Protein backbone atom coordinates (compact mmCIF):
# COMPACT_ATOMS: atom_id res chain seq x y z
CA MET A 1 0.00 0.00 0.00
CA ASP A 2 2.88 2.39 0.82
CA GLU A 3 4.49 1.68 -2.59
CA LEU A 4 1.23 2.51 -4.41
CA ARG A 5 0.82 5.71 -2.40
CA ARG A 6 4.38 6.73 -3.33
CA GLN A 7 3.75 6.15 -7.09
CA VAL A 8 0.56 8.23 -6.97
CA GLU A 9 2.39 11.10 -5.27
CA GLU A 10 5.13 10.99 -7.97
CA LEU A 11 2.50 11.11 -10.72
CA LEU A 12 0.76 14.06 -9.09
CA ALA A 13 4.07 15.87 -8.79
CA ARG A 14 4.81 15.20 -12.47
CA VAL A 15 1.37 16.51 -13.50
CA THR A 16 1.93 19.66 -11.46
CA GLU A 17 5.32 20.19 -13.13
CA LEU A 18 3.83 19.74 -16.63
CA GLU A 19 1.03 22.17 -15.87
CA ARG A 20 3.61 24.73 -14.78
CA GLU A 21 5.65 24.25 -17.98
CA ASN A 22 2.50 24.54 -20.08
CA ALA A 23 1.56 27.80 -18.37
CA GLU A 24 5.05 29.18 -19.06
CA LEU A 25 4.80 28.20 -22.75
CA LEU A 26 1.37 29.79 -23.09
CA ALA A 27 2.66 32.99 -21.53
CA ARG A 28 5.67 32.98 -23.90
CA ASN A 29 3.40 32.40 -26.90
CA ALA A 30 1.19 35.32 -25.84
CA GLU A 31 4.28 37.55 -25.60
CA LEU A 32 5.43 36.55 -29.12
CA GLU A 33 1.98 37.15 -30.62
CA ALA A 34 1.82 40.57 -28.93
CA GLU A 35 5.26 41.39 -30.35
CA LEU A 36 4.17 40.34 -33.87
CA LYS A 37 0.99 42.39 -33.55
CA ARG A 38 3.00 45.40 -32.43
CA ARG A 39 5.22 45.07 -35.52
CA GLY A 40 2.19 44.82 -37.79
CA LYS A 41 2.71 41.18 -38.78
CA LYS A 42 0.02 38.54 -38.69
CA TYR A 43 0.80 34.96 -37.87
CA THR A 44 -0.99 32.26 -39.89
CA PRO A 45 -0.21 28.60 -39.32
CA LYS A 46 1.23 26.70 -42.27
CA ALA A 47 -0.54 23.81 -43.91
CA ASN A 48 0.22 20.35 -42.64
CA THR A 49 2.68 19.54 -45.40
CA LYS A 50 5.94 17.69 -45.30
CA LYS A 51 8.88 20.06 -45.00
CA ARG A 52 11.65 19.82 -47.52
CA SER A 53 15.02 18.75 -46.31
CA LYS A 54 17.44 21.66 -46.11
CA LYS A 55 20.48 19.45 -46.12
CA THR A 56 22.88 20.58 -48.83
CA PRO A 57 23.82 17.69 -51.12
CA ASP A 58 27.43 16.71 -51.34
CA ARG A 59 28.57 17.95 -54.75
CA ARG A 60 31.61 15.70 -54.68
CA LYS A 61 29.39 12.64 -54.96
CA PRO A 62 27.77 12.13 -58.36
CA PRO A 63 23.96 12.07 -58.26
CA HIS A 64 22.24 8.76 -58.63
CA ARG A 65 21.67 8.05 -62.31
CA LYS A 66 18.22 6.67 -62.97
CA HIS A 67 19.06 5.45 -66.48
CA PRO A 68 22.09 3.57 -67.81
CA GLY A 69 23.21 6.52 -69.92
CA VAL A 70 23.41 7.04 -73.67
CA PHE A 71 26.68 6.97 -75.53
CA ARG A 72 27.40 8.00 -79.10
CA GLU A 73 27.95 5.17 -81.53
CA PRO A 74 31.43 5.18 -83.16
CA PRO A 75 31.46 6.46 -86.75
CA THR A 76 31.59 4.04 -89.69
CA PRO A 77 34.32 4.45 -92.36
CA ASP A 78 33.13 5.36 -95.86
CA GLU A 79 34.61 6.50 -99.18
CA ASN A 80 35.25 9.99 -97.76
CA THR A 81 37.38 8.70 -94.86
CA ILE A 82 40.85 10.25 -94.72
CA ASP A 83 43.49 7.77 -93.58
CA HIS A 84 46.43 8.75 -91.38
CA ASP A 85 49.20 6.19 -90.82
CA VAL A 86 50.73 6.85 -87.42
CA ARG A 87 54.23 5.43 -86.81
CA LEU A 88 56.87 6.16 -84.21
CA GLU A 89 60.40 7.22 -85.03
CA CYS A 90 61.84 5.82 -81.81
CA CYS A 91 60.78 3.60 -78.92
CA PRO A 92 59.03 5.65 -76.22
CA HIS A 93 60.43 3.31 -73.53
CA CYS A 94 64.15 3.19 -74.27
CA GLY A 95 64.65 5.63 -77.14
CA CYS A 96 65.89 3.02 -79.62
CA GLN A 97 65.27 3.99 -83.27
CA ASP A 98 65.38 0.41 -84.62
CA LEU A 99 61.66 -0.39 -84.89
CA GLU A 100 60.22 -3.22 -87.00
CA GLU A 101 56.68 -3.69 -88.33
CA THR A 102 54.47 -6.31 -86.67
CA GLY A 103 51.56 -6.08 -89.09
CA ARG A 104 49.18 -5.19 -86.26
CA PHE A 105 47.43 -1.84 -85.83
CA ASP A 106 44.48 -0.17 -84.09
CA ASP A 107 41.95 2.06 -85.85
CA HIS A 108 40.80 5.20 -84.07
CA LEU A 109 37.91 6.87 -85.89
CA VAL A 110 37.36 10.59 -85.29
CA GLU A 111 34.71 12.78 -86.91
CA ASP A 112 35.72 16.39 -87.48
CA ILE A 113 34.85 19.28 -89.75
CA PRO A 114 37.16 20.29 -92.62
CA GLU A 115 39.24 23.39 -92.31
CA PRO A 116 36.82 26.28 -92.94
CA LYS A 117 37.59 28.47 -95.90
CA THR A 118 35.79 30.91 -98.12
CA GLU A 119 35.19 30.32 -101.81
CA LEU A 120 35.24 33.08 -104.39
CA HIS A 121 32.67 32.37 -107.09
CA ARG A 122 32.98 34.17 -110.43
CA TYR A 123 29.81 34.19 -112.48
CA ARG A 124 30.86 35.03 -116.04
CA ARG A 125 27.54 35.96 -117.54
CA HIS A 126 27.89 35.72 -121.28
CA VAL A 127 25.92 38.13 -123.40
CA GLN A 128 23.91 36.20 -125.97
CA LYS A 129 21.82 37.39 -128.86
CA CYS A 130 18.47 35.91 -129.73
CA ARG A 131 18.16 35.02 -133.41
CA GLY A 132 14.40 35.27 -133.16
CA CYS A 133 13.96 38.81 -131.85
CA GLY A 134 17.51 40.05 -132.17
CA ARG A 135 17.71 41.22 -128.55
CA ALA A 136 20.68 40.62 -126.24
CA CYS A 137 20.17 38.57 -123.06
CA GLN A 138 22.16 37.18 -120.11
CA GLY A 139 21.63 34.23 -117.78
CA ARG A 140 21.85 33.90 -113.99
CA GLY A 141 24.09 31.39 -112.26
CA ASP A 142 22.95 28.88 -109.65
CA LEU A 143 22.66 30.61 -106.24
CA GLU A 144 23.88 33.88 -107.78
CA LEU A 145 22.62 37.03 -106.07
CA PRO A 146 22.78 39.87 -108.62
CA GLY A 147 24.45 42.98 -107.28
CA ALA A 148 25.67 41.24 -104.10
CA HIS A 149 29.23 40.44 -103.05
CA ILE A 150 28.27 38.06 -100.22
CA GLY A 151 26.76 34.71 -101.16
CA PRO A 152 23.58 33.09 -99.83
CA ARG A 153 25.29 30.55 -97.55
CA ALA A 154 27.06 33.29 -95.60
CA ARG A 155 23.86 35.32 -95.40
CA LEU A 156 21.81 32.39 -94.16
CA LEU A 157 24.48 31.54 -91.58
CA ALA A 158 24.34 35.14 -90.33
CA GLY A 159 20.55 34.87 -89.97
CA TYR A 160 20.86 31.52 -88.20
CA SER A 161 23.39 32.94 -85.73
CA ARG A 162 21.25 35.96 -84.97
CA ALA A 163 17.77 34.43 -84.90
CA HIS A 164 18.46 30.97 -83.48
CA LEU A 165 21.74 31.16 -81.57
CA GLY A 166 20.65 34.55 -80.22
CA ILE A 167 24.07 36.17 -80.53
CA SER A 168 24.54 39.83 -81.37
CA LEU A 169 25.54 41.27 -84.73
CA GLU A 170 29.07 41.89 -83.47
CA LYS A 171 29.45 38.29 -82.32
CA THR A 172 28.00 37.07 -85.63
CA ASP A 173 30.63 39.06 -87.50
CA ASP A 174 33.31 37.65 -85.23
CA LEU A 175 32.06 34.10 -85.82
CA LEU A 176 32.33 34.50 -89.60
CA TRP A 177 35.78 36.03 -89.23
CA GLN A 178 37.13 33.39 -86.86
CA LEU A 179 35.82 30.42 -88.87
CA PHE A 180 36.07 31.60 -92.46
CA GLY A 181 38.14 34.76 -92.46
CA MET A 182 35.15 36.69 -93.86
CA ASP A 183 35.27 40.35 -92.86
CA LEU A 184 31.78 41.84 -92.47
CA SER A 185 30.44 44.96 -90.80
CA ARG A 186 27.52 45.07 -88.39
CA ALA A 187 25.47 47.12 -90.84
CA GLY A 188 26.26 44.66 -93.63
CA THR A 189 25.28 41.69 -91.49
CA LEU A 190 22.03 43.40 -90.56
CA GLY A 191 21.33 43.87 -94.26
CA HIS A 192 21.92 40.16 -94.87
CA ILE A 193 19.44 39.31 -92.11
CA ARG A 194 16.88 41.61 -93.70
CA TRP A 195 17.48 39.87 -97.05
CA GLY A 196 16.81 36.50 -95.40
CA ALA A 197 13.57 37.76 -93.87
CA THR A 198 12.40 39.07 -97.25
CA LEU A 199 13.22 35.70 -98.80
CA PHE A 200 11.13 33.80 -96.23
CA ASP A 201 8.19 36.23 -95.83
CA PRO A 202 5.98 34.34 -98.37
CA VAL A 203 6.86 31.06 -96.64
CA VAL A 204 5.77 32.36 -93.22
CA GLU A 205 2.49 33.67 -94.66
CA GLU A 206 1.73 30.23 -96.06
CA LEU A 207 2.68 28.57 -92.76
CA PHE A 208 0.23 30.82 -90.90
CA LYS A 209 -2.56 29.64 -93.22
CA ILE A 210 -1.66 26.02 -92.45
CA LEU A 211 -1.52 26.72 -88.72
CA ARG A 212 -4.98 28.34 -88.65
CA ALA A 213 -6.46 25.18 -90.16
CA SER A 214 -4.71 22.76 -87.78
CA PRO A 215 -6.73 20.84 -85.15
CA VAL A 216 -4.63 22.09 -82.20
CA ILE A 217 -2.87 25.45 -81.83
CA HIS A 218 -0.70 26.55 -78.91
CA ALA A 219 -0.06 30.21 -78.11
CA ASP A 220 2.19 32.02 -75.66
CA GLU A 221 3.87 35.40 -75.28
CA THR A 222 6.86 36.88 -73.49
CA GLY A 223 8.58 40.22 -73.11
CA TRP A 224 10.95 41.66 -75.72
CA ARG A 225 12.61 45.03 -76.34
CA ILE A 226 12.92 47.30 -79.35
CA ASP A 227 15.39 50.16 -78.88
CA GLY A 228 15.13 49.75 -75.12
CA LYS A 229 11.33 49.87 -75.03
CA ASN A 230 9.29 46.92 -73.78
CA VAL A 231 7.31 45.08 -76.46
CA TRP A 232 5.98 41.53 -76.79
CA ALA A 233 7.15 38.42 -78.62
CA TRP A 234 4.31 36.04 -79.53
CA CYS A 235 4.57 32.36 -80.42
CA PHE A 236 1.87 30.36 -82.21
CA SER A 237 2.69 26.71 -82.72
CA ASN A 238 1.68 23.09 -83.04
CA PRO A 239 3.82 19.91 -83.12
CA ARG A 240 5.03 20.74 -86.68
CA LEU A 241 5.04 24.56 -86.76
CA ALA A 242 6.38 27.41 -84.65
CA LEU A 243 5.60 30.93 -85.83
CA PHE A 244 6.66 34.14 -84.10
CA LEU A 245 5.50 37.76 -84.06
CA ILE A 246 6.97 40.78 -82.31
CA ASP A 247 4.48 43.55 -81.60
CA HIS A 248 4.25 46.65 -79.43
CA HIS A 249 0.95 45.45 -77.97
CA ARG A 250 -0.19 42.55 -75.82
CA SER A 251 -3.82 42.77 -76.86
CA ALA A 252 -6.44 40.63 -78.54
CA ASP A 253 -5.84 42.50 -81.81
CA VAL A 254 -2.47 40.79 -82.17
CA VAL A 255 -4.04 37.37 -81.63
CA LYS A 256 -6.76 38.11 -84.19
CA ARG A 257 -4.22 39.35 -86.71
CA ALA A 258 -2.27 36.12 -86.33
CA LEU A 259 -5.11 33.59 -86.08
CA GLY A 260 -8.23 35.36 -87.32
CA ASP A 261 -11.56 35.83 -85.57
CA SER A 262 -12.33 32.10 -85.26
CA LEU A 263 -10.59 28.75 -85.53
CA PRO A 264 -11.79 25.28 -86.49
CA GLY A 265 -9.49 23.61 -83.97
CA VAL A 266 -8.68 23.91 -80.27
CA LEU A 267 -6.59 26.82 -78.92
CA VAL A 268 -4.34 25.87 -75.96
CA THR A 269 -3.15 28.85 -73.89
CA ASP A 270 -2.63 30.10 -70.39
CA PHE A 271 -5.31 32.21 -68.67
CA TYR A 272 -4.32 35.53 -70.29
CA ALA A 273 -7.42 37.50 -71.35
CA ALA A 274 -6.20 38.39 -74.88
CA TYR A 275 -7.00 34.87 -76.08
CA HIS A 276 -10.67 35.14 -75.08
CA ALA A 277 -11.51 37.09 -78.25
CA ILE A 278 -11.00 34.07 -80.53
CA GLU A 279 -14.15 32.05 -81.24
CA CYS A 280 -13.18 28.38 -80.91
CA LYS A 281 -12.86 25.54 -78.44
CA LYS A 282 -10.16 26.25 -75.88
CA GLN A 283 -8.03 24.37 -73.40
CA LYS A 284 -6.41 26.29 -70.57
CA CYS A 285 -3.03 25.15 -69.35
CA LEU A 286 -3.55 23.12 -66.18
CA VAL A 287 0.16 23.32 -65.34
CA HIS A 288 -0.23 27.06 -64.74
CA LEU A 289 -3.29 26.42 -62.57
CA LEU A 290 -1.63 23.64 -60.57
CA ARG A 291 1.42 25.85 -60.03
CA ASP A 292 -0.79 28.54 -58.47
CA LEU A 293 -2.59 25.95 -56.35
CA HIS A 294 0.68 24.48 -55.06
CA ALA A 295 1.82 27.98 -54.07
CA LEU A 296 -1.44 28.53 -52.16
CA ARG A 297 -1.00 25.21 -50.40
CA GLU A 298 2.21 26.56 -48.88
CA GLU A 299 0.70 29.91 -47.89
CA LEU A 300 -2.84 29.29 -46.63
CA SER A 301 -4.02 27.79 -43.38
CA ARG A 302 -4.62 24.08 -42.98
CA HIS A 303 -8.39 24.60 -43.01
CA HIS A 304 -8.51 26.34 -46.41
CA VAL A 305 -6.02 23.89 -47.89
CA ARG A 306 -8.05 20.88 -46.78
CA LYS A 307 -11.38 22.45 -47.72
CA TYR A 308 -10.60 23.89 -51.16
CA VAL A 309 -7.00 23.73 -52.44
CA GLU A 310 -6.23 20.04 -51.98
CA PRO A 311 -9.47 18.82 -53.61
CA LEU A 312 -8.72 20.94 -56.68
CA ILE A 313 -5.15 19.67 -56.95
CA THR A 314 -6.31 16.08 -56.64
CA LEU A 315 -9.08 16.65 -59.17
CA PHE A 316 -6.85 18.01 -61.94
CA GLN A 317 -4.14 15.44 -61.28
CA ASP A 318 -6.73 12.67 -61.57
CA ALA A 319 -8.01 14.19 -64.82
CA ILE A 320 -4.50 14.26 -66.31
CA GLU A 321 -3.90 10.65 -65.30
CA LEU A 322 -7.26 9.65 -66.79
CA ALA A 323 -6.27 11.15 -70.15
CA LYS A 324 -3.03 9.15 -70.09
CA ILE A 325 -4.83 5.81 -69.73
CA ARG A 326 -7.61 6.63 -72.22
CA SER A 327 -6.40 4.00 -74.72
CA THR A 328 -6.59 1.22 -72.11
CA MET A 329 -10.26 1.82 -71.28
CA SER A 330 -13.46 1.05 -73.13
CA GLY A 331 -15.47 3.97 -74.47
CA ARG A 332 -18.30 3.57 -71.96
CA LYS A 333 -15.96 3.22 -68.99
CA TYR A 334 -13.93 6.24 -70.08
CA GLN A 335 -17.04 8.40 -70.49
CA ALA A 336 -18.22 7.38 -67.03
CA ALA A 337 -14.86 8.36 -65.55
CA CYS A 338 -14.98 11.72 -67.36
CA GLN A 339 -18.46 12.35 -65.98
CA LYS A 340 -17.21 11.74 -62.45
CA ILE A 341 -14.44 14.30 -63.01
CA GLU A 342 -17.01 16.82 -64.30
CA THR A 343 -19.25 16.22 -61.28
CA ARG A 344 -16.39 16.72 -58.86
CA LEU A 345 -15.41 19.96 -60.60
CA GLU A 346 -18.98 21.29 -60.44
CA ARG A 347 -19.19 20.46 -56.73
CA ILE A 348 -15.96 22.32 -55.96
CA ILE A 349 -16.68 25.33 -58.17
CA TRP A 350 -20.01 26.11 -56.53
CA GLN A 351 -18.61 26.10 -53.00
CA LYS A 352 -18.04 29.88 -53.23
CA PRO A 353 -15.10 30.19 -50.79
CA LYS A 354 -14.73 33.36 -48.74
CA GLN A 355 -10.95 33.37 -48.43
CA PRO A 356 -9.64 36.02 -50.94
CA ASP A 357 -7.06 33.82 -52.68
CA CYS A 358 -9.46 30.90 -52.95
CA ARG A 359 -12.17 33.23 -54.22
CA ARG A 360 -9.75 34.50 -56.92
CA ILE A 361 -9.09 30.92 -58.07
CA ASN A 362 -12.82 30.18 -57.95
CA LYS A 363 -13.62 33.15 -60.23
CA ARG A 364 -11.06 31.87 -62.72
CA LEU A 365 -12.60 28.41 -62.67
CA VAL A 366 -16.13 29.77 -63.15
CA ARG A 367 -15.04 31.96 -66.07
CA HIS A 368 -13.20 29.11 -67.82
CA ARG A 369 -15.49 26.31 -66.68
CA PHE A 370 -15.80 24.73 -70.13
CA GLU A 371 -12.14 25.31 -71.07
CA LEU A 372 -10.52 23.23 -68.32
CA LEU A 373 -11.29 19.65 -69.37
CA THR A 374 -11.35 19.87 -73.17
CA PHE A 375 -8.37 17.50 -73.28
CA LEU A 376 -10.64 14.75 -71.94
CA GLU A 377 -12.94 15.18 -74.95
CA GLU A 378 -10.30 15.61 -77.66
CA ALA A 379 -7.60 12.93 -77.76
CA ASP A 380 -5.04 15.15 -79.56
CA VAL A 381 -5.39 18.06 -77.13
CA PRO A 382 -2.89 18.14 -74.22
CA ALA A 383 -3.66 19.46 -70.76
CA ASP A 384 -0.69 21.84 -70.84
CA ASN A 385 0.85 24.50 -73.04
CA ASN A 386 4.33 22.97 -73.04
CA THR A 387 4.58 22.92 -76.85
CA SER A 388 4.49 26.70 -77.16
CA GLU A 389 6.55 27.25 -74.02
CA ARG A 390 9.34 25.06 -75.36
CA ASP A 391 9.28 26.94 -78.66
CA ILE A 392 9.47 30.36 -77.02
CA ARG A 393 12.20 29.35 -74.56
CA SER A 394 15.03 30.24 -76.95
CA VAL A 395 13.49 33.69 -77.43
CA VAL A 396 13.65 34.20 -73.67
CA ALA A 397 17.29 33.06 -73.66
CA ALA A 398 18.15 35.51 -76.47
CA ARG A 399 16.43 38.34 -74.60
CA ASN A 400 18.30 37.57 -71.39
CA ASP A 401 21.58 37.58 -73.31
CA GLY A 402 20.82 41.07 -74.61
CA GLY A 403 20.11 39.93 -78.17
CA VAL A 404 17.13 42.26 -78.70
CA ASN A 405 16.41 44.66 -81.57
CA ARG A 406 16.95 48.33 -82.31
CA SER A 407 14.23 48.80 -84.95
CA ASP A 408 10.78 47.53 -85.83
CA TRP A 409 11.88 46.05 -89.15
CA GLY A 410 14.82 44.34 -87.41
CA ALA A 411 12.39 42.74 -84.94
CA ALA A 412 10.14 41.63 -87.81
CA ALA A 413 13.14 40.09 -89.60
CA PHE A 414 14.15 38.29 -86.41
CA ALA A 415 10.64 36.85 -86.00
CA THR A 416 10.47 35.67 -89.62
CA LEU A 417 13.84 33.93 -89.51
CA LYS A 418 13.05 32.46 -86.10
CA SER A 419 9.79 31.02 -87.46
CA VAL A 420 11.48 29.26 -90.37
CA ILE A 421 14.44 27.99 -88.32
CA ARG A 422 12.29 26.56 -85.52
CA THR A 423 9.89 24.96 -88.00
CA CYS A 424 12.83 23.36 -89.79
CA GLN A 425 14.03 21.95 -86.48
CA LYS A 426 10.62 20.45 -85.72
CA ASN A 427 10.58 18.71 -89.09
CA GLY A 428 14.18 17.48 -89.03
CA LEU A 429 15.34 19.76 -91.87
CA ASN A 430 18.66 21.53 -92.27
CA PHE A 431 17.94 25.26 -92.32
CA LEU A 432 20.83 26.19 -94.62
CA GLU A 433 19.92 23.55 -97.19
CA TYR A 434 16.27 24.53 -97.01
CA GLY A 435 17.15 28.21 -97.51
CA LEU A 436 19.11 27.36 -100.66
CA SER A 437 16.15 25.37 -102.01
CA VAL A 438 13.89 28.40 -101.46
CA LEU A 439 16.39 30.63 -103.26
CA ARG A 440 16.53 28.24 -106.24
CA ALA A 441 12.74 28.07 -106.41
CA GLN A 442 12.51 31.85 -106.30
CA ALA A 443 15.07 32.20 -109.11
CA ALA A 444 13.09 29.69 -111.21
CA ASP A 445 9.87 31.62 -110.48
CA SER A 446 8.22 28.47 -109.10
CA SER A 447 6.26 27.84 -105.90
CA LEU A 448 8.40 28.01 -102.80
CA PRO A 449 8.90 24.78 -100.82
CA LEU A 450 7.68 24.69 -97.22
CA PRO A 451 9.85 23.54 -94.29
CA LEU A 452 7.56 20.60 -93.50
CA ASP A 453 8.31 16.89 -93.58
CA SER A 454 6.39 14.52 -95.81
CA GLY A 455 4.13 13.56 -92.90
């Protein structure tokens, strides 16, 4: 009995001590809240999410590779292979010069580019007289540019360096000098770029017609500068095309000028209001929406996250996963799953949250209610705008490197060349070879080829 009484007294003493510590902590918490209130800061508890580890990784240890790696296959010798017989004059071990052949050897194959050099082409245009009409006439050589002293290959390379590599005119001149010994001025190079844009203007107009008739069109825009003033670079694309515009405005008029008033296909964009003016089916980029929702999950209280943010994140993630497994489901089962997604979205939208950030997201969802799940109806429509964002990424890189324009016509030339180069890349075509084919077609007064593959 005495032992039991002693254990009870120890427990009571421990409870008393814990109550005292709790009172001290409550008092300290009240002091901290009063201090925050005095400084004008409001404390809101974070959502119950797993914290990221702040441990800095050891850079000396290579990261775990999740794939076995890809290595370049060795080249195969052909009729253009240049052979080099490598023999020693003395033994590297003892210095003896008496070496005999063993008949054995090792082949080391190395691919390299030939020594760059310029070629001077002389077009001797003979004057001929027509026996029919008696008039004199002259021909035009292949790839000859009348009145020009710089050939088309150099001009196209200058346009490629400026519009795709994003380097400045001065660096473009330096590149041509270092590789080929060709001495150009910045003004001359700018003129060559303008020539290239004029050459490809009819091609870009035709590509815009093809794009407007395509079943899916992606659109995006980013900042640009002309003579130090902020303007906008626009990108309109699909899996085979990427067309660019640079304009002083970020309005719906630019979108209408590029795509027209209506489209037969689906327009995939972010939530920017300029795209609302186009009459067509639309799909809003869910990646942008999920990014905003993930940011709110880190900022709002646990109650709002559990009540509104998390259900939305789960809903859109489930919809994206459903689209991925569409081919493995029967038509009836897939339609039933889509209907469940629609019902869940309706239930969440009409909750009408009172928290300001949640209410802002809710207004966006109500406005674009029938533009969020188009990708579930159309198999070729993605749930994101990654196609256009990948195409416009190099424009952003060029802007950050300072490769912007000084004039409106220079910006237009940049956009035209960029459109043709990026479209060539998407279709696996060599831009320089394609440019020469356009020049030959123009000289022959025939229809210009388009930078599209046979598919």
